[in-house]
Amino acid sequence: MKSLSHLSDKELLSVFQSGNHHAYEIIYNRYWKLLYRHENAMLLRIIFLFWQL
C-alpha cells in the first residue's frame, strides 16, 4: 500500500471520502493528542461549574 502520510489534511479527507479508511487513521494519529487535551479542558470547566453550585 502506498504511504499517505505525506498528504495534507485536505487531501487525506478526500482520500478518506473515496473509501480509504487508512486516511482516517492518519488524520486521527495526527490530532488525537490535541483533541484529548481539548476534551479534558472542557471536562474540567464543567466539573468546576458544577462544583460552584
Protein backbone atom coordinates (compact mmCIF):
# COMPACT_ATOMS: atom_id res chain seq x y z
CA MET A 1 0.00 0.00 0.00
CA LYS A 2 1.28 3.46 -0.91
CA SER A 3 2.04 5.70 2.06
CA LEU A 4 -0.44 8.51 2.60
CA SER A 5 1.34 10.25 5.47
CA HIS A 6 2.85 12.90 3.22
CA LEU A 7 -0.59 14.18 2.16
CA SER A 8 -2.19 17.31 3.59
CA ASP A 9 -5.27 17.04 5.80
CA LYS A 10 -7.47 18.24 2.96
CA GLU A 11 -6.03 15.60 0.64
CA LEU A 12 -6.42 12.91 3.29
CA LEU A 13 -10.05 13.87 3.79
CA SER A 14 -10.66 13.50 0.09
CA VAL A 15 -8.96 10.08 0.06
CA PHE A 16 -11.00 9.01 3.10
CA GLN A 17 -14.24 10.13 1.46
CA SER A 18 -13.39 7.97 -1.53
CA GLY A 19 -13.34 4.93 0.77
CA ASN A 20 -9.76 4.62 2.05
CA HIS A 21 -10.07 4.17 5.81
CA HIS A 22 -6.31 4.26 6.30
CA ALA A 23 -6.52 8.00 5.58
CA TYR A 24 -8.78 8.41 8.62
CA GLU A 25 -6.24 6.59 10.77
CA ILE A 26 -3.52 9.00 9.67
CA ILE A 27 -5.69 12.03 10.46
CA TYR A 28 -6.62 10.52 13.83
CA ASN A 29 -2.98 9.88 14.70
CA ARG A 30 -2.09 13.46 13.80
CA TYR A 31 -4.69 15.04 16.05
CA TRP A 32 -5.63 12.69 18.89
CA LYS A 33 -3.41 14.43 21.43
CA LEU A 34 -4.83 17.84 20.61
CA LEU A 35 -8.40 16.54 20.83
CA TYR A 36 -7.65 14.74 24.09
CA ARG A 37 -6.28 17.93 25.69
CA HIS A 38 -9.27 19.93 24.45
CA GLU A 39 -11.71 17.35 25.82
CA ASN A 40 -10.01 17.34 29.22
CA ALA A 41 -10.09 21.14 29.39
CA MET A 42 -13.82 21.10 28.63
CA LEU A 43 -14.49 18.45 31.27
CA LEU A 44 -12.52 20.38 33.87
CA ARG A 45 -14.59 23.50 33.14
CA ILE A 46 -17.81 21.51 33.52
CA ILE A 47 -16.64 19.99 36.80
CA PHE A 48 -15.62 23.43 38.06
CA LEU A 49 -19.03 24.89 37.15
CA PHE A 50 -20.91 22.10 38.93
CA TRP A 51 -18.63 22.43 41.94
CA GLN A 52 -19.65 26.10 42.19
CA LEU A 53 -23.37 25.24 42.55
